[in-house]
Amino acid sequence: MKKKEIAKRAEQVLEELYPDALCSLVSQDAFQLLVAVRLSAQCTDARVNLVTPALFAKYPTVEDFAAADVTDVEELVHSCGFYRQKASDIVRSAQIILAEHDGKVPDTMEALTALPGVGRKTANLILGDVYGQPSYVCDTHMIRIANRLGLAAGKDPYKVELALREVLTPQTSGDFCHRVVLFGRDVCTARKPKCADCPMASFCKENAK
């Protein structure tokens, strides 16, 4: 079976399993999503969602974050880990967005990845969820499952992203990425994947070994 066929079948299966395809990080606008994703690095989404309500209540706008005391932000995000770097990146990003983008989170890969602490994974999420552009969020779940299905090879996020750009339906690529995260938590887990219960077992490269 060709990679595009596998991708199409995977898209269909995951759409049936997770029709809503929602991001698990809670946010109300583009900058809040940017902040939440930055906090999620090496931290669970569940933990981030516990931290952000107080953070966003104190700093509800880009302007508020741009004027924030970094040490205060550090205290609010401390439990997310690497809090000093994350707090610094968040405040500096707000300042750059305010100064260079009229307070609006940019809508291009180049401008987003120029922000401190923002890589292609974060940028892809913003482009897809906020601006409705084709997006390919290559987190650990996506890398693992893309490899198991045979859609990509290796652990380099950028190479996996390029491979997915060749086979996924652009218009629904962002939804596919959200669904893969949910599927990776529920079924295709890292250590003990539930292959016997997997609806993609019949066309999974890993399962065929």
N, C-alpha and C. Protein backbone atom coordinates (compact mmCIF):
# COMPACT_ATOMS: atom_id res chain seq x y z
N MET A 1 0.84 -1.19 0.00
CA MET A 1 0.00 0.00 0.00
C MET A 1 0.88 1.26 0.00
N LYS A 2 0.57 2.22 -0.87
CA LYS A 2 1.36 3.43 -0.96
C LYS A 2 1.10 4.35 0.24
N LYS A 3 2.07 5.24 0.49
CA LYS A 3 1.98 6.11 1.65
C LYS A 3 0.72 6.98 1.62
N LYS A 4 0.35 7.49 0.46
CA LYS A 4 -0.84 8.34 0.38
C LYS A 4 -2.11 7.55 0.70
N GLU A 5 -2.12 6.29 0.32
CA GLU A 5 -3.27 5.45 0.65
C GLU A 5 -3.35 5.20 2.15
N ILE A 6 -2.19 4.92 2.76
CA ILE A 6 -2.14 4.72 4.20
C ILE A 6 -2.60 5.99 4.93
N ALA A 7 -2.10 7.12 4.47
CA ALA A 7 -2.47 8.39 5.09
C ALA A 7 -3.97 8.64 4.98
N LYS A 8 -4.54 8.36 3.83
CA LYS A 8 -5.97 8.57 3.62
C LYS A 8 -6.79 7.68 4.55
N ARG A 9 -6.40 6.45 4.68
CA ARG A 9 -7.12 5.53 5.57
C ARG A 9 -6.97 5.95 7.03
N ALA A 10 -5.78 6.39 7.38
CA ALA A 10 -5.55 6.86 8.75
C ALA A 10 -6.41 8.09 9.04
N GLU A 11 -6.50 8.99 8.08
CA GLU A 11 -7.33 10.18 8.24
C GLU A 11 -8.79 9.79 8.49
N GLN A 12 -9.28 8.83 7.74
CA GLN A 12 -10.67 8.39 7.86
C GLN A 12 -10.93 7.74 9.22
N VAL A 13 -10.02 6.86 9.63
CA VAL A 13 -10.17 6.18 10.91
C VAL A 13 -10.18 7.17 12.07
N LEU A 14 -9.23 8.10 12.06
CA LEU A 14 -9.11 9.04 13.16
C LEU A 14 -10.26 10.04 13.19
N GLU A 15 -10.77 10.40 12.03
CA GLU A 15 -11.93 11.30 11.99
C GLU A 15 -13.15 10.64 12.63
N GLU A 16 -13.30 9.36 12.41
CA GLU A 16 -14.42 8.63 13.02
C GLU A 16 -14.25 8.52 14.53
N LEU A 17 -13.01 8.29 14.96
CA LEU A 17 -12.74 8.15 16.39
C LEU A 17 -12.84 9.48 17.14
N TYR A 18 -12.33 10.54 16.52
CA TYR A 18 -12.26 11.85 17.18
C TYR A 18 -12.81 12.93 16.25
N PRO A 19 -14.12 12.99 16.08
CA PRO A 19 -14.70 13.94 15.12
C PRO A 19 -14.44 15.41 15.46
N ASP A 20 -14.28 15.73 16.73
CA ASP A 20 -14.11 17.14 17.11
C ASP A 20 -12.70 17.68 16.84
N ALA A 21 -11.70 16.82 16.94
CA ALA A 21 -10.30 17.19 16.66
C ALA A 21 -9.87 18.47 17.37
N LEU A 22 -10.12 18.53 18.67
CA LEU A 22 -9.82 19.74 19.42
C LEU A 22 -8.42 19.71 20.02
N CYS A 23 -7.81 20.89 20.08
CA CYS A 23 -6.53 21.03 20.77
C CYS A 23 -6.79 20.87 22.27
N SER A 24 -5.95 20.13 22.95
CA SER A 24 -6.17 19.89 24.38
C SER A 24 -5.73 21.05 25.26
N LEU A 25 -5.03 22.03 24.69
CA LEU A 25 -4.64 23.21 25.45
C LEU A 25 -5.77 24.23 25.39
N VAL A 26 -6.13 24.77 26.55
CA VAL A 26 -7.25 25.71 26.64
C VAL A 26 -6.74 27.14 26.45
N SER A 27 -7.35 27.84 25.49
CA SER A 27 -6.97 29.24 25.25
C SER A 27 -8.16 29.98 24.64
N GLN A 28 -8.11 31.30 24.72
CA GLN A 28 -9.20 32.13 24.20
C GLN A 28 -8.82 32.94 22.97
N ASP A 29 -7.53 33.04 22.70
CA ASP A 29 -7.09 33.80 21.53
C ASP A 29 -5.71 33.31 21.08
N ALA A 30 -5.22 33.91 20.02
CA ALA A 30 -3.97 33.45 19.41
C ALA A 30 -2.78 33.57 20.36
N PHE A 31 -2.69 34.69 21.08
CA PHE A 31 -1.53 34.84 21.96
C PHE A 31 -1.61 33.89 23.15
N GLN A 32 -2.79 33.67 23.67
CA GLN A 32 -2.93 32.70 24.76
C GLN A 32 -2.52 31.31 24.31
N LEU A 33 -2.87 30.96 23.08
CA LEU A 33 -2.46 29.66 22.55
C LEU A 33 -0.94 29.59 22.43
N LEU A 34 -0.33 30.67 21.96
CA LEU A 34 1.12 30.73 21.85
C LEU A 34 1.77 30.53 23.22
N VAL A 35 1.23 31.18 24.22
CA VAL A 35 1.75 31.04 25.59
C VAL A 35 1.59 29.62 26.09
N ALA A 36 0.40 29.05 25.89
CA ALA A 36 0.12 27.70 26.37
C ALA A 36 1.05 26.67 25.72
N VAL A 37 1.29 26.82 24.44
CA VAL A 37 2.17 25.88 23.74
C VAL A 37 3.60 26.02 24.24
N ARG A 38 4.04 27.25 24.49
CA ARG A 38 5.39 27.45 25.02
C ARG A 38 5.52 26.79 26.38
N LEU A 39 4.50 26.88 27.20
CA LEU A 39 4.54 26.27 28.53
C LEU A 39 4.50 24.75 28.45
N SER A 40 3.94 24.21 27.38
CA SER A 40 3.76 22.76 27.28
C SER A 40 5.04 22.01 26.94
N ALA A 41 6.10 22.73 26.59
CA ALA A 41 7.37 22.07 26.28
C ALA A 41 7.86 21.30 27.50
N GLN A 42 8.04 19.98 27.33
CA GLN A 42 8.49 19.11 28.42
C GLN A 42 7.58 19.22 29.66
N CYS A 43 6.29 19.40 29.39
CA CYS A 43 5.29 19.49 30.43
C CYS A 43 3.98 18.98 29.85
N THR A 44 3.13 18.41 30.68
CA THR A 44 1.87 17.88 30.17
C THR A 44 0.87 19.00 29.90
N ASP A 45 -0.01 18.76 28.93
CA ASP A 45 -1.07 19.73 28.64
C ASP A 45 -1.97 19.91 29.85
N ALA A 46 -2.19 18.83 30.59
CA ALA A 46 -3.04 18.90 31.78
C ALA A 46 -2.47 19.88 32.80
N ARG A 47 -1.16 19.84 33.01
CA ARG A 47 -0.51 20.75 33.94
C ARG A 47 -0.62 22.18 33.44
N VAL A 48 -0.39 22.39 32.15
CA VAL A 48 -0.49 23.74 31.57
C VAL A 48 -1.89 24.31 31.79
N ASN A 49 -2.91 23.48 31.57
CA ASN A 49 -4.29 23.94 31.74
C ASN A 49 -4.63 24.28 33.19
N LEU A 50 -3.87 23.76 34.13
CA LEU A 50 -4.05 24.13 35.52
C LEU A 50 -3.40 25.48 35.84
N VAL A 51 -2.34 25.78 35.11
CA VAL A 51 -1.55 26.99 35.36
C VAL A 51 -2.12 28.22 34.65
N THR A 52 -2.58 28.05 33.42
CA THR A 52 -2.94 29.21 32.60
C THR A 52 -4.14 30.04 33.08
N PRO A 53 -5.15 29.48 33.76
CA PRO A 53 -6.24 30.35 34.19
C PRO A 53 -5.78 31.54 35.05
N ALA A 54 -4.94 31.29 36.03
CA ALA A 54 -4.43 32.37 36.88
C ALA A 54 -3.51 33.30 36.09
N LEU A 55 -2.72 32.71 35.20
CA LEU A 55 -1.79 33.50 34.38
C LEU A 55 -2.56 34.45 33.47
N PHE A 56 -3.58 33.93 32.80
CA PHE A 56 -4.34 34.75 31.86
C PHE A 56 -5.28 35.72 32.57
N ALA A 57 -5.65 35.39 33.79
CA ALA A 57 -6.47 36.32 34.56
C ALA A 57 -5.66 37.56 34.93
N LYS A 58 -4.39 37.35 35.26
CA LYS A 58 -3.54 38.47 35.64
C LYS A 58 -3.02 39.23 34.42
N TYR A 59 -2.77 38.48 33.32
CA TYR A 59 -2.25 39.09 32.09
C TYR A 59 -3.17 38.70 30.93
N PRO A 60 -4.30 39.36 30.78
CA PRO A 60 -5.28 38.96 29.76
C PRO A 60 -4.94 39.35 28.33
N THR A 61 -4.02 40.28 28.12
CA THR A 61 -3.73 40.75 26.76
C THR A 61 -2.23 40.71 26.45
N VAL A 62 -1.93 40.87 25.18
CA VAL A 62 -0.53 40.95 24.76
C VAL A 62 0.14 42.14 25.44
N GLU A 63 -0.57 43.24 25.53
CA GLU A 63 -0.02 44.44 26.17
C GLU A 63 0.34 44.17 27.63
N ASP A 64 -0.52 43.43 28.30
CA ASP A 64 -0.25 43.10 29.71
C ASP A 64 1.00 42.24 29.85
N PHE A 65 1.15 41.24 28.99
CA PHE A 65 2.33 40.39 29.03
C PHE A 65 3.59 41.18 28.69
N ALA A 66 3.49 42.09 27.73
CA ALA A 66 4.65 42.88 27.32
C ALA A 66 5.17 43.76 28.45
N ALA A 67 4.26 44.18 29.33
CA ALA A 67 4.64 45.04 30.45
C ALA A 67 4.88 44.26 31.73
N ALA A 68 4.77 42.95 31.68
CA ALA A 68 4.85 42.12 32.88
C ALA A 68 6.26 42.06 33.46
N ASP A 69 6.32 41.87 34.75
CA ASP A 69 7.58 41.60 35.45
C ASP A 69 7.88 40.11 35.23
N VAL A 70 9.01 39.82 34.63
CA VAL A 70 9.34 38.43 34.30
C VAL A 70 9.37 37.55 35.55
N THR A 71 9.84 38.09 36.65
CA THR A 71 9.90 37.27 37.87
C THR A 71 8.51 36.89 38.37
N ASP A 72 7.54 37.76 38.13
CA ASP A 72 6.18 37.44 38.52
C ASP A 72 5.61 36.34 37.63
N VAL A 73 5.90 36.42 36.33
CA VAL A 73 5.47 35.38 35.40
C VAL A 73 6.14 34.06 35.77
N GLU A 74 7.40 34.12 36.16
CA GLU A 74 8.12 32.92 36.59
C GLU A 74 7.39 32.21 37.72
N GLU A 75 6.93 32.98 38.68
CA GLU A 75 6.22 32.39 39.83
C GLU A 75 4.93 31.71 39.39
N LEU A 76 4.23 32.32 38.46
CA LEU A 76 2.95 31.78 38.01
C LEU A 76 3.10 30.51 37.18
N VAL A 77 4.24 30.38 36.47
CA VAL A 77 4.43 29.22 35.58
C VAL A 77 5.44 28.23 36.14
N HIS A 78 5.83 28.42 37.38
CA HIS A 78 6.91 27.63 37.99
C HIS A 78 6.69 26.12 37.84
N SER A 79 5.48 25.65 38.04
CA SER A 79 5.22 24.21 38.05
C SER A 79 5.28 23.58 36.66
N CYS A 80 5.41 24.39 35.62
CA CYS A 80 5.52 23.85 34.26
C CYS A 80 6.95 23.44 33.91
N GLY A 81 7.90 23.75 34.78
CA GLY A 81 9.28 23.40 34.51
C GLY A 81 9.96 24.39 33.58
N PHE A 82 11.29 24.50 33.70
CA PHE A 82 12.07 25.43 32.87
C PHE A 82 11.41 26.81 32.88
N TYR A 83 10.92 27.19 34.05
CA TYR A 83 10.06 28.37 34.15
C TYR A 83 10.77 29.68 33.85
N ARG A 84 12.06 29.77 34.15
CA ARG A 84 12.76 31.03 33.88
C ARG A 84 12.83 31.32 32.39
N GLN A 85 13.23 30.30 31.62
CA GLN A 85 13.33 30.48 30.17
C GLN A 85 11.95 30.70 29.54
N LYS A 86 10.99 29.93 30.00
CA LYS A 86 9.64 30.07 29.45
C LYS A 86 9.06 31.44 29.74
N ALA A 87 9.21 31.92 30.96
CA ALA A 87 8.69 33.24 31.32
C ALA A 87 9.36 34.34 30.49
N SER A 88 10.68 34.22 30.36
CA SER A 88 11.43 35.20 29.57
C SER A 88 10.96 35.20 28.11
N ASP A 89 10.79 34.02 27.54
CA ASP A 89 10.36 33.90 26.14
C ASP A 89 8.97 34.50 25.94
N ILE A 90 8.07 34.23 26.88
CA ILE A 90 6.69 34.71 26.77
C ILE A 90 6.64 36.24 26.80
N VAL A 91 7.32 36.83 27.76
CA VAL A 91 7.31 38.29 27.87
C VAL A 91 7.98 38.94 26.68
N ARG A 92 9.11 38.39 26.25
CA ARG A 92 9.82 38.95 25.10
C ARG A 92 8.99 38.80 23.82
N SER A 93 8.33 37.67 23.67
CA SER A 93 7.47 37.46 22.49
C SER A 93 6.36 38.51 22.45
N ALA A 94 5.76 38.76 23.60
CA ALA A 94 4.70 39.78 23.66
C ALA A 94 5.24 41.15 23.25
N GLN A 95 6.43 41.47 23.71
CA GLN A 95 7.04 42.76 23.37
C GLN A 95 7.31 42.86 21.87
N ILE A 96 7.81 41.79 21.28
CA ILE A 96 8.09 41.79 19.84
C ILE A 96 6.80 41.88 19.03
N ILE A 97 5.78 41.12 19.43
CA ILE A 97 4.50 41.14 18.72
C ILE A 97 3.88 42.53 18.79
N LEU A 98 4.01 43.17 19.93
CA LEU A 98 3.47 44.52 20.10
C LEU A 98 4.24 45.53 19.25
N ALA A 99 5.55 45.41 19.24
CA ALA A 99 6.39 46.39 18.55
C ALA A 99 6.46 46.18 17.04
N GLU A 100 6.47 44.91 16.62
CA GLU A 100 6.72 44.63 15.20
C GLU A 100 5.50 44.11 14.43
N HIS A 101 4.45 43.70 15.14
CA HIS A 101 3.29 43.12 14.46
C HIS A 101 1.97 43.73 14.91
N ASP A 102 2.05 44.96 15.42
CA ASP A 102 0.84 45.69 15.83
C ASP A 102 -0.01 44.91 16.83
N GLY A 103 0.64 44.12 17.67
CA GLY A 103 -0.07 43.40 18.70
C GLY A 103 -0.77 42.14 18.24
N LYS A 104 -0.58 41.77 16.99
CA LYS A 104 -1.24 40.57 16.45
C LYS A 104 -0.22 39.46 16.24
N VAL A 105 -0.55 38.26 16.69
CA VAL A 105 0.33 37.11 16.49
C VAL A 105 0.51 36.91 14.98
N PRO A 106 1.74 36.87 14.48
CA PRO A 106 1.96 36.77 13.03
C PRO A 106 1.42 35.49 12.42
N ASP A 107 1.22 35.53 11.11
CA ASP A 107 0.58 34.40 10.42
C ASP A 107 1.48 33.74 9.38
N THR A 108 2.80 33.86 9.57
CA THR A 108 3.73 33.18 8.67
C THR A 108 4.72 32.36 9.50
N MET A 109 5.21 31.29 8.91
CA MET A 109 6.19 30.45 9.58
C MET A 109 7.44 31.24 9.94
N GLU A 110 7.88 32.09 9.03
CA GLU A 110 9.12 32.85 9.24
C GLU A 110 9.00 33.81 10.43
N ALA A 111 7.89 34.54 10.49
CA ALA A 111 7.71 35.51 11.57
C ALA A 111 7.49 34.81 12.91
N LEU A 112 6.76 33.72 12.89
CA LEU A 112 6.51 33.00 14.14
C LEU A 112 7.78 32.39 14.71
N THR A 113 8.57 31.75 13.87
CA THR A 113 9.79 31.11 14.36
C THR A 113 10.88 32.11 14.71
N ALA A 114 10.67 33.38 14.38
CA ALA A 114 11.60 34.43 14.80
C ALA A 114 11.34 34.85 16.25
N LEU A 115 10.20 34.44 16.79
CA LEU A 115 9.89 34.76 18.19
C LEU A 115 10.68 33.83 19.12
N PRO A 116 11.10 34.32 20.27
CA PRO A 116 11.91 33.49 21.19
C PRO A 116 11.14 32.27 21.68
N GLY A 117 11.77 31.12 21.57
CA GLY A 117 11.17 29.89 22.07
C GLY A 117 10.14 29.26 21.15
N VAL A 118 9.93 29.85 19.99
CA VAL A 118 8.93 29.32 19.05
C VAL A 118 9.62 28.55 17.93
N GLY A 119 9.36 27.25 17.87
CA GLY A 119 9.89 26.42 16.81
C GLY A 119 8.81 26.08 15.80
N ARG A 120 9.11 25.18 14.89
CA ARG A 120 8.17 24.85 13.84
C ARG A 120 6.91 24.16 14.39
N LYS A 121 7.06 23.39 15.46
CA LYS A 121 5.89 22.72 16.03
C LYS A 121 4.87 23.74 16.51
N THR A 122 5.33 24.70 17.30
CA THR A 122 4.45 25.75 17.79
C THR A 122 3.88 26.57 16.64
N ALA A 123 4.74 26.94 15.70
CA ALA A 123 4.30 27.75 14.57
C ALA A 123 3.24 27.04 13.74
N ASN A 124 3.44 25.74 13.51
CA ASN A 124 2.45 24.98 12.75
C ASN A 124 1.10 24.96 13.47
N LEU A 125 1.13 24.82 14.78
CA LEU A 125 -0.12 24.80 15.54
C LEU A 125 -0.86 26.12 15.42
N ILE A 126 -0.13 27.22 15.54
CA ILE A 126 -0.75 28.55 15.40
C ILE A 126 -1.31 28.73 13.99
N LEU A 127 -0.53 28.37 12.99
CA LEU A 127 -0.97 28.54 11.61
C LEU A 127 -2.23 27.74 11.32
N GLY A 128 -2.31 26.54 11.88
CA GLY A 128 -3.48 25.70 11.65
C GLY A 128 -4.68 26.10 12.46
N ASP A 129 -4.51 26.23 13.78
CA ASP A 129 -5.65 26.47 14.66
C ASP A 129 -6.16 27.90 14.60
N VAL A 130 -5.27 28.85 14.39
CA VAL A 130 -5.68 30.25 14.40
C VAL A 130 -6.00 30.76 13.00
N TYR A 131 -5.14 30.40 12.04
CA TYR A 131 -5.28 30.98 10.70
C TYR A 131 -5.80 30.02 9.65
N GLY A 132 -6.10 28.79 10.04
CA GLY A 132 -6.71 27.85 9.11
C GLY A 132 -5.83 27.42 7.96
N GLN A 133 -4.53 27.55 8.14
CA GLN A 133 -3.59 27.14 7.10
C GLN A 133 -3.24 25.66 7.27
N PRO A 134 -2.76 25.00 6.21
CA PRO A 134 -2.27 23.63 6.37
C PRO A 134 -1.18 23.62 7.45
N SER A 135 -1.24 22.63 8.35
CA SER A 135 -0.28 22.61 9.44
C SER A 135 0.10 21.18 9.78
N TYR A 136 1.34 21.02 10.22
CA TYR A 136 1.90 19.69 10.45
C TYR A 136 2.68 19.73 11.76
N VAL A 137 1.97 19.48 12.84
CA VAL A 137 2.55 19.58 14.18
C VAL A 137 3.24 18.26 14.51
N CYS A 138 4.56 18.29 14.51
CA CYS A 138 5.32 17.05 14.71
C CYS A 138 5.83 16.96 16.15
N ASP A 139 4.92 16.56 17.03
CA ASP A 139 5.31 16.30 18.41
C ASP A 139 5.70 14.83 18.55
N THR A 140 5.92 14.39 19.76
CA THR A 140 6.39 13.00 19.95
C THR A 140 5.35 11.98 19.49
N HIS A 141 4.07 12.28 19.68
CA HIS A 141 3.02 11.37 19.23
C HIS A 141 3.03 11.23 17.70
N MET A 142 3.09 12.37 17.03
CA MET A 142 3.07 12.35 15.57
C MET A 142 4.30 11.62 15.01
N ILE A 143 5.46 11.91 15.56
CA ILE A 143 6.68 11.28 15.07
C ILE A 143 6.60 9.77 15.25
N ARG A 144 6.17 9.34 16.43
CA ARG A 144 6.06 7.91 16.72
C ARG A 144 5.06 7.21 15.80
N ILE A 145 3.88 7.77 15.66
CA ILE A 145 2.82 7.12 14.89
C ILE A 145 3.08 7.20 13.39
N ALA A 146 3.64 8.30 12.93
CA ALA A 146 4.00 8.40 11.51
C ALA A 146 5.03 7.35 11.14
N ASN A 147 5.96 7.10 12.04
CA ASN A 147 6.96 6.06 11.80
C ASN A 147 6.33 4.67 11.83
N ARG A 148 5.46 4.42 12.78
CA ARG A 148 4.84 3.10 12.89
C ARG A 148 3.96 2.79 11.68
N LEU A 149 3.27 3.81 11.18
CA LEU A 149 2.41 3.61 10.01
C LEU A 149 3.22 3.50 8.71
N GLY A 150 4.46 3.99 8.76
CA GLY A 150 5.29 3.98 7.55
C GLY A 150 5.15 5.24 6.72
N LEU A 151 4.60 6.30 7.31
CA LEU A 151 4.44 7.57 6.60
C LEU A 151 5.72 8.40 6.62
N ALA A 152 6.58 8.13 7.58
CA ALA A 152 7.84 8.86 7.71
C ALA A 152 8.86 7.93 8.34
N ALA A 153 10.13 8.35 8.28
CA ALA A 153 11.21 7.55 8.86
C ALA A 153 12.12 8.46 9.68
N GLY A 154 12.47 8.01 10.87
CA GLY A 154 13.38 8.78 11.69
C GLY A 154 12.68 9.68 12.68
N LYS A 155 13.47 10.29 13.57
CA LYS A 155 12.92 11.09 14.66
C LYS A 155 13.12 12.59 14.48
N ASP A 156 13.71 12.99 13.37
CA ASP A 156 13.91 14.42 13.14
C ASP A 156 12.57 15.08 12.82
N PRO A 157 12.09 16.00 13.66
CA PRO A 157 10.76 16.59 13.45
C PRO A 157 10.59 17.25 12.08
N TYR A 158 11.62 17.94 11.61
CA TYR A 158 11.50 18.64 10.34
C TYR A 158 11.38 17.65 9.18
N LYS A 159 12.14 16.57 9.23
CA LYS A 159 12.07 15.56 8.17
C LYS A 159 10.70 14.85 8.18
N VAL A 160 10.18 14.61 9.38
CA VAL A 160 8.85 14.00 9.48
C VAL A 160 7.81 14.97 8.93
N GLU A 161 7.95 16.25 9.25
CA GLU A 161 7.03 17.26 8.72
C GLU A 161 7.04 17.27 7.19
N LEU A 162 8.21 17.24 6.61
CA LEU A 162 8.32 17.24 5.15
C LEU A 162 7.66 16.00 4.55
N ALA A 163 7.85 14.85 5.21
CA ALA A 163 7.24 13.61 4.72
C ALA A 163 5.72 13.70 4.79
N LEU A 164 5.20 14.27 5.86
CA LEU A 164 3.75 14.39 6.02
C LEU A 164 3.15 15.37 5.02
N ARG A 165 3.89 16.40 4.69
CA ARG A 165 3.41 17.36 3.69
C ARG A 165 3.17 16.69 2.33
N GLU A 166 3.86 15.59 2.10
CA GLU A 166 3.73 14.88 0.83
C GLU A 166 2.50 13.98 0.79
N VAL A 167 1.97 13.59 1.94
CA VAL A 167 0.92 12.56 1.94
C VAL A 167 -0.41 12.97 2.58
N LEU A 168 -0.41 13.96 3.47
CA LEU A 168 -1.65 14.33 4.15
C LEU A 168 -2.48 15.30 3.31
N THR A 169 -3.78 15.28 3.53
CA THR A 169 -4.67 16.24 2.88
C THR A 169 -4.46 17.60 3.52
N PRO A 170 -3.99 18.61 2.77
CA PRO A 170 -3.63 19.90 3.37
C PRO A 170 -4.76 20.54 4.17
N GLN A 171 -5.98 20.47 3.64
CA GLN A 171 -7.10 21.16 4.29
C GLN A 171 -7.44 20.58 5.65
N THR A 172 -7.12 19.33 5.89
CA THR A 172 -7.46 18.69 7.17
C THR A 172 -6.22 18.25 7.96
N SER A 173 -5.06 18.71 7.53
CA SER A 173 -3.81 18.28 8.18
C SER A 173 -3.75 18.68 9.65
N GLY A 174 -4.24 19.87 9.97
CA GLY A 174 -4.22 20.32 11.36
C GLY A 174 -5.10 19.45 12.24
N ASP A 175 -6.29 19.12 11.75
CA ASP A 175 -7.19 18.24 12.51
C ASP A 175 -6.56 16.86 12.68
N PHE A 176 -5.90 16.38 11.64
CA PHE A 176 -5.24 15.08 11.72
C PHE A 176 -4.21 15.07 12.84
N CYS A 177 -3.45 16.14 12.95
CA CYS A 177 -2.42 16.22 13.99
C CYS A 177 -3.03 16.18 15.39
N HIS A 178 -4.14 16.88 15.60
CA HIS A 178 -4.81 16.84 16.89
C HIS A 178 -5.30 15.42 17.19
N ARG A 179 -5.84 14.77 16.18
CA ARG A 179 -6.37 13.42 16.37
C ARG A 179 -5.26 12.42 16.67
N VAL A 180 -4.12 12.60 16.07
CA VAL A 180 -2.99 11.71 16.33
C VAL A 180 -2.56 11.81 17.79
N VAL A 181 -2.57 13.01 18.35
CA VAL A 181 -2.22 13.17 19.76
C VAL A 181 -3.17 12.37 20.64
N LEU A 182 -4.46 12.48 20.38
CA LEU A 182 -5.46 11.75 21.16
C LEU A 182 -5.29 10.24 20.99
N PHE A 183 -5.04 9.83 19.75
CA PHE A 183 -4.85 8.42 19.46
C PHE A 183 -3.58 7.89 20.12
N GLY A 184 -2.55 8.71 20.15
CA GLY A 184 -1.29 8.32 20.78
C GLY A 184 -1.42 8.15 22.28
N ARG A 185 -2.34 8.89 22.89
CA ARG A 185 -2.58 8.75 24.32
C ARG A 185 -3.48 7.56 24.62
N ASP A 186 -4.43 7.32 23.74
CA ASP A 186 -5.44 6.28 24.01
C ASP A 186 -5.02 4.88 23.56
N VAL A 187 -4.42 4.78 22.38
CA VAL A 187 -4.19 3.47 21.75
C VAL A 187 -2.73 3.23 21.40
N CYS A 188 -2.17 4.08 20.56
CA CYS A 188 -0.81 3.86 20.06
C CYS A 188 0.20 4.52 21.00
N THR A 189 0.24 4.02 22.22
CA THR A 189 1.11 4.60 23.24
C THR A 189 2.58 4.25 22.97
N ALA A 190 3.46 4.97 23.64
CA ALA A 190 4.89 4.79 23.37
C ALA A 190 5.40 3.42 23.80
N ARG A 191 5.06 2.99 25.01
CA ARG A 191 5.67 1.78 25.56
C ARG A 191 4.85 0.52 25.30
N LYS A 192 3.54 0.62 25.46
CA LYS A 192 2.71 -0.58 25.28
C LYS A 192 1.52 -0.28 24.37
N PRO A 193 1.78 -0.14 23.08
CA PRO A 193 0.68 0.15 22.16
C PRO A 193 -0.35 -0.98 22.15
N LYS A 194 -1.62 -0.61 22.07
CA LYS A 194 -2.71 -1.59 22.11
C LYS A 194 -3.02 -2.08 20.70
N CYS A 195 -2.08 -2.79 20.12
CA CYS A 195 -2.19 -3.21 18.73
C CYS A 195 -3.40 -4.11 18.49
N ALA A 196 -3.74 -4.94 19.47
CA ALA A 196 -4.88 -5.85 19.31
C ALA A 196 -6.20 -5.10 19.19
N ASP A 197 -6.25 -3.88 19.73
CA ASP A 197 -7.47 -3.08 19.69
C ASP A 197 -7.39 -1.93 18.68
N CYS A 198 -6.33 -1.90 17.89
CA CYS A 198 -6.08 -0.76 17.01
C CYS A 198 -6.87 -0.86 15.70
N PRO A 199 -7.64 0.17 15.37
CA PRO A 199 -8.40 0.16 14.12
C PRO A 199 -7.54 0.37 12.88
N MET A 200 -6.25 0.64 13.10
CA MET A 200 -5.34 0.83 11.96
C MET A 200 -4.35 -0.33 11.83
N ALA A 201 -4.55 -1.37 12.61
CA ALA A 201 -3.62 -2.51 12.61
C ALA A 201 -3.47 -3.15 11.24
N SER A 202 -4.54 -3.17 10.45
CA SER A 202 -4.51 -3.87 9.15
C SER A 202 -3.60 -3.19 8.12
N PHE A 203 -3.32 -1.91 8.32
CA PHE A 203 -2.44 -1.23 7.37
C PHE A 203 -1.24 -0.55 8.06
N CYS A 204 -0.95 -0.97 9.29
CA CYS A 204 0.17 -0.42 10.03
C CYS A 204 1.46 -1.19 9.71
N LYS A 205 2.47 -0.48 9.32
CA LYS A 205 3.75 -1.10 8.97
C LYS A 205 4.37 -1.78 10.18
N GLU A 206 4.29 -1.17 11.34
CA GLU A 206 4.87 -1.72 12.55
C GLU A 206 4.16 -3.02 12.95
N ASN A 207 2.86 -3.06 12.81
CA ASN A 207 2.07 -4.22 13.18
C ASN A 207 2.35 -5.42 12.25
N ALA A 208 2.81 -5.11 11.04
CA ALA A 208 3.04 -6.17 10.06
C ALA A 208 4.38 -6.86 10.26
N LYS A 209 5.22 -6.32 11.13
CA LYS A 209 6.55 -6.92 11.34
C LYS A 209 6.46 -8.28 12.01
